[in-house]
PDB file of N, CA and C in Angstrom:
ATOM      1  N   UNK A   1      -2.207 -29.318 -29.489  1.00  0.00           N
ATOM      2  CA  UNK A   1      -1.473 -28.071 -29.478  1.00  0.00           C
ATOM      3  C   UNK A   1      -2.407 -26.894 -29.189  1.00  0.00           C
ATOM      4  N   UNK A   2      -3.583 -26.909 -29.800  1.00  0.00           N
ATOM      5  CA  UNK A   2      -4.546 -25.839 -29.598  1.00  0.00           C
ATOM      6  C   UNK A   2      -5.024 -25.805 -28.147  1.00  0.00           C
ATOM      7  N   UNK A   3      -5.199 -26.980 -27.542  1.00  0.00           N
ATOM      8  CA  UNK A   3      -5.611 -27.060 -26.142  1.00  0.00           C
ATOM      9  C   UNK A   3      -4.539 -26.480 -25.226  1.00  0.00           C
ATOM     10  N   UNK A   4      -3.279 -26.761 -25.523  1.00  0.00           N
ATOM     11  CA  UNK A   4      -2.168 -26.231 -24.729  1.00  0.00           C
ATOM     12  C   UNK A   4      -2.127 -24.702 -24.803  1.00  0.00           C
ATOM     13  N   UNK A   5      -2.338 -24.166 -25.992  1.00  0.00           N
ATOM     14  CA  UNK A   5      -2.353 -22.716 -26.170  1.00  0.00           C
ATOM     15  C   UNK A   5      -3.512 -22.078 -25.405  1.00  0.00           C
ATOM     16  N   UNK A   6      -4.671 -22.708 -25.451  1.00  0.00           N
ATOM     17  CA  UNK A   6      -5.834 -22.197 -24.726  1.00  0.00           C
ATOM     18  C   UNK A   6      -5.588 -22.195 -23.225  1.00  0.00           C
ATOM     19  N   UNK A   7      -4.947 -23.240 -22.712  1.00  0.00           N
ATOM     20  CA  UNK A   7      -4.633 -23.308 -21.275  1.00  0.00           C
ATOM     21  C   UNK A   7      -3.643 -22.219 -20.884  1.00  0.00           C
ATOM     22  N   UNK A   8      -2.652 -21.994 -21.731  1.00  0.00           N
ATOM     23  CA  UNK A   8      -1.652 -20.960 -21.445  1.00  0.00           C
ATOM     24  C   UNK A   8      -2.284 -19.580 -21.422  1.00  0.00           C
ATOM     25  N   UNK A   9      -3.172 -19.301 -22.371  1.00  0.00           N
ATOM     26  CA  UNK A   9      -3.843 -18.005 -22.409  1.00  0.00           C
ATOM     27  C   UNK A   9      -4.780 -17.822 -21.218  1.00  0.00           C
ATOM     28  N   UNK A  10      -5.418 -18.878 -20.777  1.00  0.00           N
ATOM     29  CA  UNK A  10      -6.315 -18.790 -19.618  1.00  0.00           C
ATOM     30  C   UNK A  10      -5.530 -18.561 -18.335  1.00  0.00           C
ATOM     31  N   UNK A  11      -4.316 -19.069 -18.254  1.00  0.00           N
ATOM     32  CA  UNK A  11      -3.505 -18.929 -17.047  1.00  0.00           C
ATOM     33  C   UNK A  11      -2.872 -17.547 -16.939  1.00  0.00           C
ATOM     34  N   UNK A  12      -2.699 -16.840 -18.049  1.00  0.00           N
ATOM     35  CA  UNK A  12      -2.039 -15.531 -18.028  1.00  0.00           C
ATOM     36  C   UNK A  12      -2.734 -14.532 -17.118  1.00  0.00           C
ATOM     37  N   UNK A  13      -4.062 -14.323 -17.182  1.00  0.00           N
ATOM     38  CA  UNK A  13      -4.700 -13.378 -16.263  1.00  0.00           C
ATOM     39  C   UNK A  13      -4.563 -13.813 -14.804  1.00  0.00           C
ATOM     40  N   UNK A  14      -4.606 -15.108 -14.546  1.00  0.00           N
ATOM     41  CA  UNK A  14      -4.458 -15.589 -13.170  1.00  0.00           C
ATOM     42  C   UNK A  14      -3.074 -15.262 -12.638  1.00  0.00           C
ATOM     43  N   UNK A  15      -2.062 -15.380 -13.487  1.00  0.00           N
ATOM     44  CA  UNK A  15      -0.699 -15.045 -13.054  1.00  0.00           C
ATOM     45  C   UNK A  15      -0.585 -13.559 -12.742  1.00  0.00           C
ATOM     46  N   UNK A  16      -1.227 -12.721 -13.553  1.00  0.00           N
ATOM     47  CA  UNK A  16      -1.193 -11.277 -13.292  1.00  0.00           C
ATOM     48  C   UNK A  16      -1.877 -10.946 -11.975  1.00  0.00           C
ATOM     49  N   UNK A  17      -2.996 -11.609 -11.684  1.00  0.00           N
ATOM     50  CA  UNK A  17      -3.684 -11.368 -10.419  1.00  0.00           C
ATOM     51  C   UNK A  17      -2.866 -11.847  -9.239  1.00  0.00           C
ATOM     52  N   UNK A  18      -2.122 -12.927  -9.418  1.00  0.00           N
ATOM     53  CA  UNK A  18      -1.325 -13.472  -8.322  1.00  0.00           C
ATOM     54  C   UNK A  18      -0.224 -12.508  -7.906  1.00  0.00           C
ATOM     55  N   UNK A  19       0.293 -11.710  -8.853  1.00  0.00           N
ATOM     56  CA  UNK A  19       1.349 -10.762  -8.524  1.00  0.00           C
ATOM     57  C   UNK A  19       0.811  -9.678  -7.601  1.00  0.00           C
ATOM     58  N   UNK A  20      -0.337  -9.131  -7.908  1.00  0.00           N
ATOM     59  CA  UNK A  20      -1.019  -8.164  -7.059  1.00  0.00           C
ATOM     60  C   UNK A  20      -0.164  -7.013  -6.584  1.00  0.00           C
ATOM     61  N   UNK A  21      -0.522  -6.513  -5.426  1.00  0.00           N
ATOM     62  CA  UNK A  21       0.192  -5.388  -4.840  1.00  0.00           C
ATOM     63  C   UNK A  21       1.095  -5.901  -3.715  1.00  0.00           C
ATOM     64  N   UNK A  22       2.124  -5.134  -3.339  1.00  0.00           N
ATOM     65  CA  UNK A  22       2.965  -5.548  -2.217  1.00  0.00           C
ATOM     66  C   UNK A  22       2.114  -5.702  -0.952  1.00  0.00           C
ATOM     67  N   UNK A  23       2.397  -6.710  -0.175  1.00  0.00           N
ATOM     68  CA  UNK A  23       1.625  -7.007   1.029  1.00  0.00           C
ATOM     69  C   UNK A  23       2.472  -6.764   2.272  1.00  0.00           C
ATOM     70  N   UNK A  24       2.040  -5.839   3.122  1.00  0.00           N
ATOM     71  CA  UNK A  24       2.838  -5.505   4.306  1.00  0.00           C
ATOM     72  C   UNK A  24       3.017  -6.674   5.284  1.00  0.00           C
ATOM     73  N   UNK A  25       2.036  -7.577   5.465  1.00  0.00           N
ATOM     74  CA  UNK A  25       2.278  -8.695   6.389  1.00  0.00           C
ATOM     75  C   UNK A  25       3.392  -9.635   5.928  1.00  0.00           C
ATOM     76  N   UNK A  26       3.754  -9.574   4.647  1.00  0.00           N
ATOM     77  CA  UNK A  26       4.839 -10.400   4.124  1.00  0.00           C
ATOM     78  C   UNK A  26       6.198  -9.706   4.207  1.00  0.00           C
ATOM     79  N   UNK A  27       6.221  -8.433   4.612  1.00  0.00           N
ATOM     80  CA  UNK A  27       7.458  -7.647   4.674  1.00  0.00           C
ATOM     81  C   UNK A  27       7.819  -7.329   6.113  1.00  0.00           C
ATOM     82  N   UNK A  28       9.081  -6.962   6.322  1.00  0.00           N
ATOM     83  CA  UNK A  28       9.458  -6.388   7.613  1.00  0.00           C
ATOM     84  C   UNK A  28       9.032  -4.920   7.591  1.00  0.00           C
ATOM     85  N   UNK A  29       9.010  -4.304   8.735  1.00  0.00           N
ATOM     86  CA  UNK A  29       8.656  -2.889   8.823  1.00  0.00           C
ATOM     87  C   UNK A  29       9.627  -2.056   7.971  1.00  0.00           C
ATOM     88  N   UNK A  30      10.887  -2.379   8.050  1.00  0.00           N
ATOM     89  CA  UNK A  30      11.908  -1.647   7.290  1.00  0.00           C
ATOM     90  C   UNK A  30      11.671  -1.783   5.785  1.00  0.00           C
ATOM     91  N   UNK A  31      11.292  -2.980   5.323  1.00  0.00           N
ATOM     92  CA  UNK A  31      11.019  -3.178   3.908  1.00  0.00           C
ATOM     93  C   UNK A  31       9.800  -2.370   3.458  1.00  0.00           C
ATOM     94  N   UNK A  32       8.750  -2.358   4.276  1.00  0.00           N
ATOM     95  CA  UNK A  32       7.539  -1.596   3.935  1.00  0.00           C
ATOM     96  C   UNK A  32       7.855  -0.106   3.847  1.00  0.00           C
ATOM     97  N   UNK A  33       8.642   0.401   4.779  1.00  0.00           N
ATOM     98  CA  UNK A  33       9.053   1.808   4.721  1.00  0.00           C
ATOM     99  C   UNK A  33       9.896   2.068   3.485  1.00  0.00           C
ATOM    100  N   UNK A  34      10.711   1.080   3.122  1.00  0.00           N
ATOM    101  CA  UNK A  34      11.578   1.208   1.960  1.00  0.00           C
ATOM    102  C   UNK A  34      10.809   1.354   0.659  1.00  0.00           C
ATOM    103  N   UNK A  35       9.657   0.697   0.561  1.00  0.00           N
ATOM    104  CA  UNK A  35       8.817   0.829  -0.633  1.00  0.00           C
ATOM    105  C   UNK A  35       8.404   2.291  -0.798  1.00  0.00           C
ATOM    106  N   UNK A  36       7.967   2.915   0.288  1.00  0.00           N
ATOM    107  CA  UNK A  36       7.546   4.320   0.204  1.00  0.00           C
ATOM    108  C   UNK A  36       8.732   5.249   0.006  1.00  0.00           C
ATOM    109  N   UNK A  37       9.864   4.919   0.610  1.00  0.00           N
ATOM    110  CA  UNK A  37      11.053   5.750   0.418  1.00  0.00           C
ATOM    111  C   UNK A  37      11.469   5.761  -1.048  1.00  0.00           C
ATOM    112  N   UNK A  38      11.358   4.608  -1.697  1.00  0.00           N
ATOM    113  CA  UNK A  38      11.766   4.495  -3.096  1.00  0.00           C
ATOM    114  C   UNK A  38      10.730   5.059  -4.063  1.00  0.00           C
ATOM    115  N   UNK A  39       9.445   4.811  -3.798  1.00  0.00           N
ATOM    116  CA  UNK A  39       8.394   5.179  -4.751  1.00  0.00           C
ATOM    117  C   UNK A  39       7.670   6.474  -4.409  1.00  0.00           C
ATOM    118  N   UNK A  40       7.691   6.879  -3.162  1.00  0.00           N
ATOM    119  CA  UNK A  40       6.979   8.092  -2.753  1.00  0.00           C
ATOM    120  C   UNK A  40       5.543   7.835  -2.365  1.00  0.00           C
ATOM    121  N   UNK A  41       4.850   7.029  -3.156  1.00  0.00           N
ATOM    122  CA  UNK A  41       3.461   6.659  -2.870  1.00  0.00           C
ATOM    123  C   UNK A  41       3.234   5.260  -3.426  1.00  0.00           C
ATOM    124  N   UNK A  42       2.422   4.470  -2.717  1.00  0.00           N
ATOM    125  CA  UNK A  42       2.148   3.109  -3.174  1.00  0.00           C
ATOM    126  C   UNK A  42       0.865   2.596  -2.556  1.00  0.00           C
ATOM    127  N   UNK A  43       0.188   1.732  -3.295  1.00  0.00           N
ATOM    128  CA  UNK A  43      -0.953   1.007  -2.754  1.00  0.00           C
ATOM    129  C   UNK A  43      -0.395  -0.294  -2.197  1.00  0.00           C
ATOM    130  N   UNK A  44      -0.595  -0.503  -0.895  1.00  0.00           N
ATOM    131  CA  UNK A  44      -0.068  -1.687  -0.225  1.00  0.00           C
ATOM    132  C   UNK A  44      -1.199  -2.511   0.351  1.00  0.00           C
ATOM    133  N   UNK A  45      -1.104  -3.814   0.193  1.00  0.00           N
ATOM    134  CA  UNK A  45      -2.035  -4.713   0.847  1.00  0.00           C
ATOM    135  C   UNK A  45      -1.688  -4.773   2.322  1.00  0.00           C
ATOM    136  N   UNK A  46      -2.711  -4.802   3.166  1.00  0.00           N
ATOM    137  CA  UNK A  46      -2.465  -4.803   4.617  1.00  0.00           C
ATOM    138  C   UNK A  46      -3.001  -6.059   5.285  1.00  0.00           C
ATOM    139  N   UNK A  47      -3.372  -7.050   4.487  1.00  0.00           N
ATOM    140  CA  UNK A  47      -3.863  -8.310   5.017  1.00  0.00           C
ATOM    141  C   UNK A  47      -5.187  -8.690   4.388  1.00  0.00           C
ATOM    142  N   UNK A  48      -5.316  -9.942   3.983  1.00  0.00           N
ATOM    143  CA  UNK A  48      -6.551 -10.390   3.358  1.00  0.00           C
ATOM    144  C   UNK A  48      -6.857  -9.572   2.117  1.00  0.00           C
ATOM    145  N   UNK A  49      -8.066  -9.031   2.065  1.00  0.00           N
ATOM    146  CA  UNK A  49      -8.482  -8.227   0.916  1.00  0.00           C
ATOM    147  C   UNK A  49      -8.420  -6.730   1.204  1.00  0.00           C
ATOM    148  N   UNK A  50      -7.713  -6.321   2.253  1.00  0.00           N
ATOM    149  CA  UNK A  50      -7.634  -4.901   2.599  1.00  0.00           C
ATOM    150  C   UNK A  50      -6.372  -4.271   2.009  1.00  0.00           C
ATOM    151  N   UNK A  51      -6.495  -3.019   1.635  1.00  0.00           N
ATOM    152  CA  UNK A  51      -5.370  -2.276   1.082  1.00  0.00           C
ATOM    153  C   UNK A  51      -5.653  -0.795   1.242  1.00  0.00           C
ATOM    154  N   UNK A  52      -4.608   0.012   1.066  1.00  0.00           N
ATOM    155  CA  UNK A  52      -4.765   1.457   1.128  1.00  0.00           C
ATOM    156  C   UNK A  52      -3.601   2.083   0.379  1.00  0.00           C
ATOM    157  N   UNK A  53      -3.724   3.375   0.132  1.00  0.00           N
ATOM    158  CA  UNK A  53      -2.644   4.134  -0.498  1.00  0.00           C
ATOM    159  C   UNK A  53      -1.878   4.842   0.599  1.00  0.00           C
ATOM    160  N   UNK A  54      -0.579   4.674   0.581  1.00  0.00           N
ATOM    161  CA  UNK A  54       0.297   5.272   1.580  1.00  0.00           C
ATOM    162  C   UNK A  54       1.309   6.161   0.869  1.00  0.00           C
ATOM    163  N   UNK A  55       1.743   7.213   1.569  1.00  0.00           N
ATOM    164  CA  UNK A  55       2.676   8.167   0.972  1.00  0.00           C
ATOM    165  C   UNK A  55       3.859   8.418   1.899  1.00  0.00           C
ATOM    166  N   UNK A  56       4.948   8.859   1.276  1.00  0.00           N
ATOM    167  CA  UNK A  56       6.167   9.191   2.023  1.00  0.00           C
ATOM    168  C   UNK A  56       6.021  10.543   2.724  1.00  0.00           C
ATOM    169  N   UNK A  57       5.365  11.504   2.048  1.00  0.00           N
ATOM    170  CA  UNK A  57       5.186  12.837   2.627  1.00  0.00           C
ATOM    171  C   UNK A  57       4.021  13.535   1.923  1.00  0.00           C
ATOM    172  N   UNK A  58       3.701  14.724   2.371  1.00  0.00           N
ATOM    173  CA  UNK A  58       2.525  15.453   1.887  1.00  0.00           C
ATOM    174  C   UNK A  58       2.609  15.834   0.417  1.00  0.00           C
ATOM    175  N   UNK A  59       3.801  15.857  -0.147  1.00  0.00           N
ATOM    176  CA  UNK A  59       3.926  16.226  -1.564  1.00  0.00           C
ATOM    177  C   UNK A  59       3.223  15.233  -2.487  1.00  0.00           C
ATOM    178  N   UNK A  60       2.855  14.060  -1.980  1.00  0.00           N
ATOM    179  CA  UNK A  60       2.147  13.053  -2.762  1.00  0.00           C
ATOM    180  C   UNK A  60       0.637  13.098  -2.538  1.00  0.00           C
ATOM    181  N   UNK A  61       0.169  14.106  -1.835  1.00  0.00           N
ATOM    182  CA  UNK A  61      -1.262  14.295  -1.578  1.00  0.00           C
ATOM    183  C   UNK A  61      -1.810  15.402  -2.474  1.00  0.00           C
ATOM    184  N   UNK A  62      -3.130  15.483  -2.548  1.00  0.00           N
ATOM    185  CA  UNK A  62      -3.779  16.584  -3.255  1.00  0.00           C
ATOM    186  C   UNK A  62      -3.557  17.871  -2.448  1.00  0.00           C
ATOM    187  N   UNK A  63      -3.626  19.040  -3.101  1.00  0.00           N
ATOM    188  CA  UNK A  63      -3.362  20.304  -2.394  1.00  0.00           C
ATOM    189  C   UNK A  63      -4.244  20.545  -1.168  1.00  0.00           C
ATOM    190  N   UNK A  64      -5.475  20.039  -1.175  1.00  0.00           N
ATOM    191  CA  UNK A  64      -6.373  20.276  -0.049  1.00  0.00           C
ATOM    192  C   UNK A  64      -6.222  19.243   1.063  1.00  0.00           C
ATOM    193  N   UNK A  65      -5.388  18.243   0.842  1.00  0.00           N
ATOM    194  CA  UNK A  65      -5.247  17.171   1.826  1.00  0.00           C
ATOM    195  C   UNK A  65      -4.087  17.410   2.780  1.00  0.00           C
ATOM    196  N   UNK A  66      -4.164  16.732   3.910  1.00  0.00           N
ATOM    197  CA  UNK A  66      -3.088  16.716   4.898  1.00  0.00           C
ATOM    198  C   UNK A  66      -2.710  15.260   5.124  1.00  0.00           C
ATOM    199  N   UNK A  67      -1.632  15.046   5.868  1.00  0.00           N
ATOM    200  CA  UNK A  67      -1.209  13.678   6.137  1.00  0.00           C
ATOM    201  C   UNK A  67      -1.619  13.242   7.536  1.00  0.00           C
ATOM    202  N   UNK A  68      -1.809  11.938   7.649  1.00  0.00           N
ATOM    203  CA  UNK A  68      -2.120  11.318   8.934  1.00  0.00           C
ATOM    204  C   UNK A  68      -1.220  10.087   9.066  1.00  0.00           C
ATOM    205  N   UNK A  69      -0.606   9.900  10.236  1.00  0.00           N
ATOM    206  CA  UNK A  69       0.249   8.736  10.449  1.00  0.00           C
ATOM    207  C   UNK A  69      -0.479   7.462  10.052  1.00  0.00           C
ATOM    208  N   UNK A  70       0.236   6.561   9.389  1.00  0.00           N
ATOM    209  CA  UNK A  70      -0.345   5.295   8.936  1.00  0.00           C
ATOM    210  C   UNK A  70       0.421   4.124   9.551  1.00  0.00           C
ATOM    211  N   UNK A  71      -0.288   3.310  10.280  1.00  0.00           N
ATOM    212  CA  UNK A  71       0.287   2.117  10.899  1.00  0.00           C
ATOM    213  C   UNK A  71      -0.265   0.888  10.188  1.00  0.00           C
ATOM    214  N   UNK A  72       0.620  -0.059   9.859  1.00  0.00           N
ATOM    215  CA  UNK A  72       0.211  -1.288   9.173  1.00  0.00           C
ATOM    216  C   UNK A  72       0.847  -2.486   9.864  1.00  0.00           C
ATOM    217  N   UNK A  73       0.230  -3.667   9.726  1.00  0.00           N
ATOM    218  CA  UNK A  73       0.870  -4.870  10.257  1.00  0.00           C
ATOM    219  C   UNK A  73       1.985  -5.322   9.305  1.00  0.00           C
ATOM    220  N   UNK A  74       3.122  -5.683   9.879  1.00  0.00           N
ATOM    221  CA  UNK A  74       4.220  -6.243   9.090  1.00  0.00           C
ATOM    222  C   UNK A  74       4.651  -7.551   9.743  1.00  0.00           C
ATOM    223  N   UNK A  75       5.566  -8.235   9.085  1.00  0.00           N
ATOM    224  CA  UNK A  75       6.030  -9.524   9.591  1.00  0.00           C
ATOM    225  C   UNK A  75       6.641  -9.416  10.988  1.00  0.00           C
ATOM    226  N   UNK A  76       7.280  -8.282  11.284  1.00  0.00           N
ATOM    227  CA  UNK A  76       7.963  -8.140  12.567  1.00  0.00           C
ATOM    228  C   UNK A  76       7.309  -7.147  13.527  1.00  0.00           C
ATOM    229  N   UNK A  77       6.178  -6.553  13.136  1.00  0.00           N
ATOM    230  CA  UNK A  77       5.514  -5.577  14.005  1.00  0.00           C
ATOM    231  C   UNK A  77       4.013  -5.545  13.723  1.00  0.00           C
ATOM    232  N   UNK A  78       3.201  -5.593  14.768  1.00  0.00           N
ATOM    233  CA  UNK A  78       1.755  -5.495  14.535  1.00  0.00           C
ATOM    234  C   UNK A  78       1.317  -4.077  14.146  1.00  0.00           C
ATOM    235  N   UNK A  79       2.145  -3.071  14.469  1.00  0.00           N
ATOM    236  CA  UNK A  79       1.806  -1.684  14.133  1.00  0.00           C
ATOM    237  C   UNK A  79       3.063  -0.927  13.720  1.00  0.00           C
ATOM    238  N   UNK A  80       3.419  -1.075  12.470  1.00  0.00           N
ATOM    239  CA  UNK A  80       4.591  -0.399  11.910  1.00  0.00           C
ATOM    240  C   UNK A  80       4.164   0.961  11.362  1.00  0.00           C
ATOM    241  N   UNK A  81       4.843   2.017  11.769  1.00  0.00           N
ATOM    242  CA  UNK A  81       4.589   3.353  11.203  1.00  0.00           C
ATOM    243  C   UNK A  81       5.250   3.380   9.827  1.00  0.00           C
ATOM    244  N   UNK A  82       4.459   3.072   8.808  1.00  0.00           N
ATOM    245  CA  UNK A  82       4.988   2.910   7.454  1.00  0.00           C
ATOM    246  C   UNK A  82       5.163   4.242   6.742  1.00  0.00           C
ATOM    247  N   UNK A  83       4.355   5.197   7.077  1.00  0.00           N
ATOM    248  CA  UNK A  83       4.379   6.510   6.426  1.00  0.00           C
ATOM    249  C   UNK A  83       3.095   7.231   6.759  1.00  0.00           C
ATOM    250  N   UNK A  84       2.417   7.719   5.728  1.00  0.00           N
ATOM    251  CA  UNK A  84       1.214   8.519   5.949  1.00  0.00           C
ATOM    252  C   UNK A  84       0.100   8.129   4.986  1.00  0.00           C
ATOM    253  N   UNK A  85      -1.108   8.537   5.347  1.00  0.00           N
ATOM    254  CA  UNK A  85      -2.273   8.505   4.456  1.00  0.00           C
ATOM    255  C   UNK A  85      -2.627   9.960   4.165  1.00  0.00           C
ATOM    256  N   UNK A  86      -3.133  10.216   2.988  1.00  0.00           N
ATOM    257  CA  UNK A  86      -3.632  11.548   2.636  1.00  0.00           C
ATOM    258  C   UNK A  86      -5.105  11.600   3.024  1.00  0.00           C
ATOM    259  N   UNK A  87      -5.493  12.621   3.758  1.00  0.00           N
ATOM    260  CA  UNK A  87      -6.891  12.764   4.162  1.00  0.00           C
ATOM    261  C   UNK A  87      -7.344  14.207   3.955  1.00  0.00           C
ATOM    262  N   UNK A  88      -8.640  14.374   3.787  1.00  0.00           N
ATOM    263  CA  UNK A  88      -9.240  15.706   3.760  1.00  0.00           C
ATOM    264  C   UNK A  88      -9.524  16.084   5.214  1.00  0.00           C
ATOM    265  N   UNK A  89      -8.990  17.199   5.688  1.00  0.00           N
ATOM    266  CA  UNK A  89      -9.268  17.570   7.074  1.00  0.00           C
ATOM    267  C   UNK A  89     -10.735  17.950   7.250  1.00  0.00           C
ATOM    268  N   UNK A  90     -11.341  17.470   8.317  1.00  0.00           N
ATOM    269  CA  UNK A  90     -12.723  17.805   8.629  1.00  0.00           C
ATOM    270  C   UNK A  90     -12.785  18.758   9.802  1.00  0.00           C
ATOM    271  N   UNK A  91     -13.978  19.021  10.246  1.00  0.00           N
ATOM    272  CA  UNK A  91     -14.149  19.937  11.389  1.00  0.00           C
ATOM    273  C   UNK A  91     -13.480  19.418  12.652  1.00  0.00           C
ATOM    274  N   UNK A  92     -13.408  18.100  12.796  1.00  0.00           N
ATOM    275  CA  UNK A  92     -12.841  17.514  14.010  1.00  0.00           C
ATOM    276  C   UNK A  92     -11.338  17.290  13.933  1.00  0.00           C
ATOM    277  N   UNK A  93     -10.721  17.671  12.826  1.00  0.00           N
ATOM    278  CA  UNK A  93      -9.284  17.444  12.666  1.00  0.00           C
ATOM    279  C   UNK A  93      -8.528  18.609  13.302  1.00  0.00           C
ATOM    280  N   UNK A  94      -7.524  18.274  14.125  1.00  0.00           N
ATOM    281  CA  UNK A  94      -6.785  19.316  14.869  1.00  0.00           C
ATOM    282  C   UNK A  94      -5.362  19.517  14.375  1.00  0.00           C
ATOM    283  N   UNK A  95      -4.943  18.783  13.336  1.00  0.00           N
ATOM    284  CA  UNK A  95      -3.610  19.005  12.774  1.00  0.00           C
ATOM    285  C   UNK A  95      -2.484  18.374  13.543  1.00  0.00           C
ATOM    286  N   UNK A  96      -2.749  17.349  14.349  1.00  0.00           N
ATOM    287  CA  UNK A  96      -1.704  16.722  15.152  1.00  0.00           C
ATOM    288  C   UNK A  96      -0.674  15.971  14.305  1.00  0.00           C
ATOM    289  N   UNK A  97      -1.123  15.400  13.184  1.00  0.00           N
ATOM    290  CA  UNK A  97      -0.272  14.460  12.477  1.00  0.00           C
ATOM    291  C   UNK A  97       0.463  15.046  11.273  1.00  0.00           C
ATOM    292  N   UNK A  98       0.198  16.252  10.915  1.00  0.00           N
ATOM    293  CA  UNK A  98       0.828  16.787   9.707  1.00  0.00           C
ATOM    294  C   UNK A  98       2.297  17.043   9.947  1.00  0.00           C
TER     295      UNK A  98
END
């Protein structure tokens, strides 16, 4: 009985890690957009060990940040315009994407 309990407790962290973050390659483009529409901002996996924070609009960015179009791979599109990334504008930024 004690061994069974130890195995169950050891498996719990692994189960939590398996849930992870939503992965865009497993979703359709519409589903990925829907996550941002519902939540406003989310950290999404974009394949393998890569991920980023994406937002629905600039209201989810820091006051000094602007938005930049964010394209991610999805099940039905290699470059789905999922929403935006928040970035700090630099000297080379021209404001095309805000």
